[in-house]
């Protein structure tokens, strides 16, 4: 769904965890879940994505007005 390889995704997650200094995911056997920190950051990520999508919609409207 993300069009990214598993090693690429694992590397991106590791990079984020190193950057923020917290574990974002918990491994439980074969299952992977957001950690407490991951859940907290996810609310900020959702806000950022909402703003980004609104910006895209707004700029698309500006292009059609020209």
Protein backbone atom coordinates (compact mmCIF):
# COMPACT_ATOMS: atom_id res chain seq x y z
CA UNK A 1 0.00 0.00 0.00
CA UNK A 2 2.90 2.37 0.72
CA UNK A 3 4.99 1.31 -2.27
CA UNK A 4 8.07 0.95 -0.06
CA UNK A 5 10.12 -2.14 0.71
CA UNK A 6 10.10 -3.61 4.22
CA UNK A 7 13.81 -2.85 4.77
CA UNK A 8 13.25 0.74 3.61
CA UNK A 9 10.35 1.15 6.01
CA UNK A 10 12.33 -0.37 8.89
CA UNK A 11 15.20 2.03 8.18
CA UNK A 12 12.83 5.03 8.13
CA UNK A 13 11.30 3.98 11.46
CA UNK A 14 14.74 3.47 13.02
CA UNK A 15 15.83 6.90 11.80
CA UNK A 16 12.74 8.53 13.35
CA UNK A 17 13.25 6.69 16.63
CA UNK A 18 16.89 7.83 16.76
CA UNK A 19 15.94 11.40 15.89
CA UNK A 20 13.27 11.61 18.60
CA UNK A 21 15.08 9.41 21.12
CA UNK A 22 12.07 7.20 21.84
CA UNK A 23 10.72 3.89 20.58
CA UNK A 24 7.71 4.51 18.35
CA UNK A 25 6.72 0.86 17.99
CA UNK A 26 6.53 -2.19 20.26
CA UNK A 27 7.15 -5.66 18.89
CA UNK A 28 5.07 -8.44 20.39
CA UNK A 29 6.05 -11.63 18.60
CA UNK A 30 5.09 -11.11 14.98
CA UNK A 31 2.82 -8.17 15.84
CA UNK A 32 3.96 -4.56 15.83
CA UNK A 33 1.99 -1.83 17.60
CA UNK A 34 2.49 1.85 18.27
CA UNK A 35 4.18 2.49 21.60
CA UNK A 36 2.89 5.07 24.06
CA UNK A 37 5.20 7.63 22.42
CA UNK A 38 4.11 6.56 18.96
CA UNK A 39 0.46 7.10 19.88
CA UNK A 40 1.21 10.56 21.25
CA UNK A 41 3.14 11.59 18.14
CA UNK A 42 0.45 10.13 15.89
CA UNK A 43 -2.00 12.82 17.00
CA UNK A 44 0.49 15.47 15.84
CA UNK A 45 1.09 13.59 12.58
CA UNK A 46 -2.67 13.50 11.92
CA UNK A 47 -2.87 17.28 12.47
CA UNK A 48 0.09 17.89 10.14
CA UNK A 49 -1.42 15.70 7.42
CA UNK A 50 -4.77 17.50 7.71
CA UNK A 51 -3.06 20.86 7.30
CA UNK A 52 -1.03 19.59 4.36
CA UNK A 53 -4.12 18.25 2.59
CA UNK A 54 -5.97 21.54 3.13
CA UNK A 55 -2.99 23.39 1.70
CA UNK A 56 -2.99 21.15 -1.38
CA UNK A 57 -6.73 21.72 -1.90
CA UNK A 58 -6.32 25.47 -1.46
CA UNK A 59 -3.43 25.72 -3.92
CA UNK A 60 -5.26 23.54 -6.44
CA UNK A 61 -8.14 26.01 -6.26
CA UNK A 62 -5.75 28.90 -6.80
CA UNK A 63 -4.33 27.29 -9.94
CA UNK A 64 -7.76 26.87 -11.46
CA UNK A 65 -8.65 30.51 -10.77
CA UNK A 66 -5.77 31.84 -12.90
